[in-house]
Every structure is written in C-alpha cells, then in structure tokens.
N, C-alpha and C. Protein backbone atom coordinates (compact mmCIF):
# COMPACT_ATOMS: atom_id res chain seq x y z
N MET A 1 -1.84 -15.99 23.09
CA MET A 1 -2.07 -15.72 22.64
C MET A 1 -1.81 -16.71 21.13
N ARG A 2 -3.31 -16.23 20.56
CA ARG A 2 -3.55 -16.88 19.32
C ARG A 2 -2.43 -16.96 18.24
N ASN A 3 -2.61 -18.35 17.33
CA ASN A 3 -2.33 -18.31 16.74
C ASN A 3 -2.85 -18.03 14.86
N LEU A 4 -2.64 -17.09 14.35
CA LEU A 4 -3.19 -17.16 13.38
C LEU A 4 -2.80 -18.28 12.50
N GLU A 5 -4.35 -19.42 11.96
CA GLU A 5 -3.91 -20.20 11.12
C GLU A 5 -4.36 -20.59 9.56
N SER A 6 -4.60 -19.30 8.84
CA SER A 6 -5.07 -19.07 7.63
C SER A 6 -5.48 -17.65 7.66
N ILE A 7 -5.49 -17.21 6.10
CA ILE A 7 -5.52 -16.22 4.95
C ILE A 7 -7.15 -16.26 5.69
N ASP A 8 -8.05 -16.30 5.64
CA ASP A 8 -9.22 -16.71 5.47
C ASP A 8 -9.51 -15.60 6.95
N GLN A 9 -9.02 -16.74 8.10
CA GLN A 9 -8.86 -16.37 9.62
C GLN A 9 -8.76 -14.61 9.81
N PHE A 10 -7.16 -14.17 9.24
CA PHE A 10 -6.69 -13.22 9.24
C PHE A 10 -7.46 -12.71 9.08
N ASN A 11 -8.80 -12.28 7.73
CA ASN A 11 -9.96 -11.91 6.82
C ASN A 11 -10.89 -11.31 8.45
N GLN A 12 -11.91 -12.59 8.66
CA GLN A 12 -12.16 -12.55 9.62
C GLN A 12 -12.22 -11.83 11.21
N MET A 13 -11.16 -11.93 11.16
CA MET A 13 -10.80 -11.56 12.60
C MET A 13 -10.46 -10.03 12.66
N LYS A 14 -10.16 -9.91 11.65
CA LYS A 14 -9.78 -8.30 11.44
C LYS A 14 -11.08 -7.52 11.31
N ASN A 15 -12.19 -7.81 10.83
CA ASN A 15 -13.65 -7.32 10.72
C ASN A 15 -14.31 -7.82 11.37
N ASP A 16 -13.99 -8.79 12.15
CA ASP A 16 -15.06 -8.54 13.36
C ASP A 16 -14.09 -8.44 14.93
N GLY A 17 -14.37 -7.61 15.56
CA GLY A 17 -13.45 -7.90 17.28
C GLY A 17 -13.08 -6.48 17.12
N LYS A 18 -12.07 -6.63 18.62
CA LYS A 18 -11.18 -6.24 17.98
C LYS A 18 -9.35 -6.41 18.27
N HIS A 19 -8.26 -7.04 17.14
CA HIS A 19 -7.50 -7.39 17.67
C HIS A 19 -6.34 -6.58 16.88
N ILE A 20 -5.05 -6.99 18.19
CA ILE A 20 -3.37 -6.73 17.57
C ILE A 20 -3.52 -7.87 16.97
N PHE A 21 -2.52 -8.00 15.98
CA PHE A 21 -1.82 -9.32 15.29
C PHE A 21 -0.46 -8.52 15.75
N MET A 22 0.20 -9.54 16.06
CA MET A 22 1.52 -8.88 16.08
C MET A 22 2.48 -9.92 14.72
N PHE A 23 3.12 -9.64 14.72
CA PHE A 23 4.24 -10.22 13.00
C PHE A 23 5.47 -10.33 14.01
N SER A 24 5.84 -11.66 13.71
CA SER A 24 7.15 -12.39 14.68
C SER A 24 7.68 -13.27 13.03
N ALA A 25 8.43 -14.05 14.11
CA ALA A 25 9.32 -15.16 13.38
C ALA A 25 10.03 -16.23 13.85
N ASP A 26 9.88 -17.11 13.98
CA ASP A 26 11.15 -18.12 15.21
C ASP A 26 12.09 -17.35 15.08
N TRP A 27 12.78 -17.01 14.02
CA TRP A 27 14.27 -16.98 13.76
C TRP A 27 15.04 -15.49 14.69
N CYS A 28 13.20 -14.32 14.76
CA CYS A 28 14.28 -12.85 14.85
C CYS A 28 14.38 -13.23 16.42
N PRO A 29 15.30 -12.24 16.72
CA PRO A 29 16.18 -12.85 17.94
C PRO A 29 15.36 -11.07 18.49
N ASP A 30 14.71 -10.35 18.02
CA ASP A 30 14.12 -9.60 18.65
C ASP A 30 12.76 -9.25 19.84
N CYS A 31 12.00 -10.77 18.41
CA CYS A 31 10.72 -11.28 18.66
C CYS A 31 10.93 -12.04 19.87
N ARG A 32 12.44 -12.76 19.86
CA ARG A 32 12.58 -13.53 21.48
C ARG A 32 12.32 -12.61 22.49
N VAL A 33 13.04 -11.82 22.15
CA VAL A 33 13.12 -10.77 23.78
C VAL A 33 12.17 -10.54 24.45
N ILE A 34 10.53 -9.99 23.75
CA ILE A 34 9.61 -9.64 23.90
C ILE A 34 8.48 -10.94 24.56
N GLU A 35 9.04 -12.14 24.41
CA GLU A 35 7.94 -13.06 24.92
C GLU A 35 7.64 -13.03 25.70
N PRO A 36 8.86 -13.14 27.10
CA PRO A 36 8.54 -13.14 28.04
C PRO A 36 7.38 -12.04 29.02
N ILE A 37 7.91 -10.48 27.73
CA ILE A 37 6.41 -9.36 28.79
C ILE A 37 5.28 -9.39 27.97
N LEU A 38 4.61 -10.66 26.82
CA LEU A 38 3.98 -10.34 26.48
C LEU A 38 2.37 -10.66 26.80
N PRO A 39 2.66 -12.09 27.88
CA PRO A 39 1.68 -12.71 28.51
C PRO A 39 1.04 -10.86 29.00
N GLU A 40 1.94 -10.05 30.19
CA GLU A 40 1.53 -9.49 31.11
C GLU A 40 0.75 -8.01 30.47
N ILE A 41 1.23 -7.96 28.89
CA ILE A 41 0.88 -6.68 27.83
C ILE A 41 -0.61 -7.45 27.87
N GLU A 42 -0.50 -8.78 27.23
CA GLU A 42 -1.59 -9.55 27.21
C GLU A 42 -3.13 -9.19 28.47
N GLU A 43 -2.54 -9.35 29.87
CA GLU A 43 -3.43 -9.20 30.19
C GLU A 43 -3.65 -7.88 30.49
N SER A 44 -2.74 -7.15 30.34
CA SER A 44 -3.72 -5.22 31.01
C SER A 44 -3.78 -4.60 29.52
N PHE A 45 -4.38 -5.18 28.52
CA PHE A 45 -5.36 -5.41 27.19
C PHE A 45 -6.22 -5.48 27.35
N GLN A 46 -7.01 -6.63 27.60
CA GLN A 46 -7.77 -7.69 27.78
C GLN A 46 -8.97 -7.10 26.63
N GLU A 47 -9.19 -6.09 26.15
CA GLU A 47 -10.12 -5.78 25.69
C GLU A 47 -10.13 -6.25 24.03
N PHE A 48 -8.58 -6.30 23.58
CA PHE A 48 -7.98 -6.56 22.96
C PHE A 48 -7.83 -8.07 22.67
N THR A 49 -7.89 -9.59 21.31
CA THR A 49 -7.98 -10.97 21.20
C THR A 49 -6.04 -10.10 20.27
N PHE A 50 -4.67 -10.83 21.03
CA PHE A 50 -3.67 -10.56 20.17
C PHE A 50 -3.66 -12.43 19.41
N VAL A 51 -3.19 -12.20 17.90
CA VAL A 51 -3.26 -12.98 17.14
C VAL A 51 -1.25 -12.98 16.64
N TYR A 52 -0.70 -13.75 16.97
CA TYR A 52 0.64 -14.07 16.34
C TYR A 52 0.88 -15.05 15.10
N VAL A 53 0.66 -13.94 14.05
CA VAL A 53 1.07 -13.98 12.65
C VAL A 53 3.00 -14.33 12.43
N ASP A 54 3.72 -15.66 12.31
CA ASP A 54 4.08 -16.08 11.64
C ASP A 54 4.66 -15.41 9.84
N ARG A 55 5.36 -14.42 9.83
CA ARG A 55 6.07 -14.04 8.93
C ARG A 55 6.37 -14.63 7.94
N ASP A 56 6.87 -15.56 7.93
CA ASP A 56 7.15 -16.76 7.00
C ASP A 56 6.09 -17.44 6.18
N GLU A 57 5.19 -17.14 7.33
CA GLU A 57 3.48 -18.22 6.86
C GLU A 57 2.95 -17.34 5.99
N PHE A 58 2.81 -16.39 6.35
CA PHE A 58 1.43 -14.97 6.37
C PHE A 58 2.67 -13.82 5.43
N ILE A 59 3.42 -14.86 4.64
CA ILE A 59 3.92 -13.32 3.67
C ILE A 59 3.83 -11.95 3.23
N ASP A 60 2.32 -12.91 2.59
CA ASP A 60 0.75 -12.40 1.90
C ASP A 60 0.76 -11.18 1.76
N ILE A 61 0.44 -11.57 4.09
CA ILE A 61 -0.43 -10.97 4.60
C ILE A 61 0.42 -9.59 5.29
N CYS A 62 1.56 -9.89 5.06
CA CYS A 62 2.17 -8.98 5.48
C CYS A 62 3.25 -7.96 4.21
N THR A 63 2.96 -8.27 2.82
CA THR A 63 3.22 -7.38 2.18
C THR A 63 1.90 -6.64 1.78
N GLU A 64 0.86 -7.06 1.70
CA GLU A 64 -0.49 -6.78 1.65
C GLU A 64 -0.39 -5.50 2.71
N HIS A 65 0.14 -5.67 4.07
CA HIS A 65 -0.51 -4.95 5.04
C HIS A 65 1.46 -3.43 5.25
N ASN A 66 2.03 -4.09 4.44
CA ASN A 66 2.96 -3.70 4.34
C ASN A 66 4.22 -3.43 5.86
N VAL A 67 4.07 -5.17 6.04
CA VAL A 67 4.83 -5.13 7.47
C VAL A 67 5.69 -6.22 6.90
N PHE A 68 7.20 -4.96 6.26
CA PHE A 68 9.39 -5.02 6.47
C PHE A 68 9.39 -5.63 7.99
N GLY A 69 9.28 -5.42 8.61
CA GLY A 69 10.44 -5.68 9.57
C GLY A 69 9.62 -6.54 10.71
N ILE A 70 9.85 -6.84 11.24
CA ILE A 70 9.24 -7.46 12.56
C ILE A 70 9.97 -7.57 14.40
N PRO A 71 9.42 -7.71 14.77
CA PRO A 71 8.20 -7.73 15.79
C PRO A 71 7.18 -6.60 15.49
N SER A 72 6.31 -6.09 14.55
CA SER A 72 5.19 -5.62 14.52
C SER A 72 4.38 -6.09 15.13
N PHE A 73 3.40 -4.57 15.25
CA PHE A 73 1.55 -4.87 15.82
C PHE A 73 1.35 -3.79 15.12
N ILE A 74 0.07 -4.46 14.72
CA ILE A 74 -1.32 -3.92 13.82
C ILE A 74 -2.16 -3.92 14.37
N ALA A 75 -3.40 -3.12 14.64
CA ALA A 75 -5.09 -3.21 15.92
C ALA A 75 -5.47 -2.88 14.98
N PHE A 76 -7.05 -4.41 14.77
CA PHE A 76 -7.88 -3.55 14.04
C PHE A 76 -8.99 -4.06 14.69
N GLU A 77 -9.98 -2.73 14.51
CA GLU A 77 -10.89 -3.22 15.41
C GLU A 77 -12.49 -2.82 14.06
N ASN A 78 -13.42 -4.30 14.25
CA ASN A 78 -14.43 -4.40 12.65
C ASN A 78 -14.19 -3.96 11.73
N GLY A 79 -12.78 -4.09 10.78
CA GLY A 79 -12.47 -3.54 10.07
C GLY A 79 -11.93 -2.97 9.85
N LYS A 80 -11.46 -1.49 10.25
CA LYS A 80 -10.45 -0.53 10.69
C LYS A 80 -9.46 -0.65 11.43
N GLU A 81 -8.75 0.02 10.56
CA GLU A 81 -7.15 -0.14 11.35
C GLU A 81 -6.65 0.89 12.91
N LEU A 82 -6.46 0.56 13.82
CA LEU A 82 -7.08 1.64 14.64
C LEU A 82 -5.45 2.30 14.92
N GLY A 83 -3.94 1.42 14.17
CA GLY A 83 -2.92 1.86 14.64
C GLY A 83 -2.45 0.11 14.32
N ARG A 84 -0.50 1.35 14.08
CA ARG A 84 0.29 0.25 13.67
C ARG A 84 1.79 0.44 14.08
N PHE A 85 2.41 0.22 14.77
CA PHE A 85 3.76 -0.16 15.58
C PHE A 85 4.73 -1.30 14.51
N VAL A 86 4.83 -0.63 13.15
CA VAL A 86 5.73 -1.54 12.31
C VAL A 86 6.97 -1.22 11.75
N SER A 87 8.38 -1.18 12.52
CA SER A 87 9.58 -1.41 12.31
C SER A 87 10.93 -2.28 12.54
N LYS A 88 11.93 -2.67 12.13
CA LYS A 88 13.02 -3.49 12.37
C LYS A 88 12.93 -3.43 13.54
N ASP A 89 12.83 -2.05 14.12
CA ASP A 89 13.85 -2.01 15.45
C ASP A 89 12.90 -3.02 16.43
N ARG A 90 13.78 -3.22 17.46
CA ARG A 90 13.77 -4.29 19.21
C ARG A 90 12.67 -3.10 19.27
N LYS A 91 11.57 -3.79 20.27
CA LYS A 91 10.92 -2.82 20.46
C LYS A 91 10.73 -3.53 22.16
N THR A 92 10.24 -2.48 23.03
CA THR A 92 10.42 -2.54 24.81
C THR A 92 9.46 -2.61 25.05
N LYS A 93 8.75 -3.04 26.24
CA LYS A 93 7.38 -3.19 27.37
C LYS A 93 6.57 -1.44 27.04
N GLU A 94 7.63 -0.47 27.63
CA GLU A 94 7.19 0.85 27.36
C GLU A 94 6.00 1.36 26.13
N GLU A 95 7.23 0.91 25.04
CA GLU A 95 7.01 1.17 23.81
C GLU A 95 5.42 0.63 22.99
N ILE A 96 5.30 -0.91 23.11
CA ILE A 96 4.33 -1.81 23.39
C ILE A 96 3.35 -0.90 23.70
N THR A 97 3.55 -1.13 25.34
CA THR A 97 2.63 -0.13 26.31
C THR A 97 1.26 0.48 25.54
N GLU A 98 2.91 1.83 25.34
CA GLU A 98 2.31 3.26 24.82
C GLU A 98 1.31 2.74 23.46
N PHE A 99 1.67 2.40 22.70
CA PHE A 99 1.24 1.45 21.32
C PHE A 99 -0.87 1.01 22.05
N LEU A 100 -0.28 0.55 22.57
CA LEU A 100 -1.47 0.00 23.24
C LEU A 100 -2.55 0.55 23.63
N GLN A 101 -1.79 1.70 24.60
CA GLN A 101 -2.57 1.95 25.41
C GLN A 101 -3.14 3.74 23.99
N SER A 102 -2.52 3.94 23.30
CA SER A 102 -2.85 4.61 22.09
C SER A 102 -3.54 4.57 21.18
N VAL A 103 -4.43 2.80 21.19
CA VAL A 103 -5.10 1.93 20.10
C VAL A 103 -6.45 2.13 21.24
N SER A 104 -5.70 1.67 22.39
CA SER A 104 -7.73 1.47 22.99
C SER A 104 -8.47 2.07 23.61
N SER A 105 -10.15 2.37 24.12
CA SER A 105 -10.56 3.60 23.80
C SER A 105 -10.82 3.28 24.87
C-alpha cells in the first residue's frame, strides 16, 4: 500500500486511474486489527491502487470527503467516486471484501 504524500498527489490519483483510499491513523486500534489482512485484500483487487491516508496528516481531505470515522475506504476511478465504506466501526475482512466487490468492474 502506498502512503499519501500530499494533497496534490491525492487529487492527481483520485482523477487518474482506479484507487482505494484507506483513511487510518497510527493510534487507531480498529485500524491495526485489519492491517494483517490488507496485503491479501490488495492481492485480490489488483485493478485498484491502494493508498494509505493518514487521518491526522490529511484532516482537510477527510473533512472535504466527509470521513469522520476510521478506518474508512473510498474508491475513485478517473475522478468519479465509485463508492465508500465510511464509518467509525471496526471492519471485518468480509465487509471490506464485500465493499471492494461492489466497486469493482
């Protein structure tokens, strides 16, 4: 998973290609729980580039996209939001997979 480095990079990625932005933070226990399953999920959905967005570093992006709970996921393809799995609740592998299947072509 790539780490987001700037707001400009977010806008470029959002508008070019298929990306899953995972909003997270180092201090988030529910985010740590899903970390071990993320490589397997990425492998299953290779049509997307997965990008880690640190909620604390990019709070403006979170606010702009109504991400008020983590971990959360938003899928974009060429500037169009394909879907979102945004809440403060802990997410299971099955829930994340179901979301990704719903936004896959």
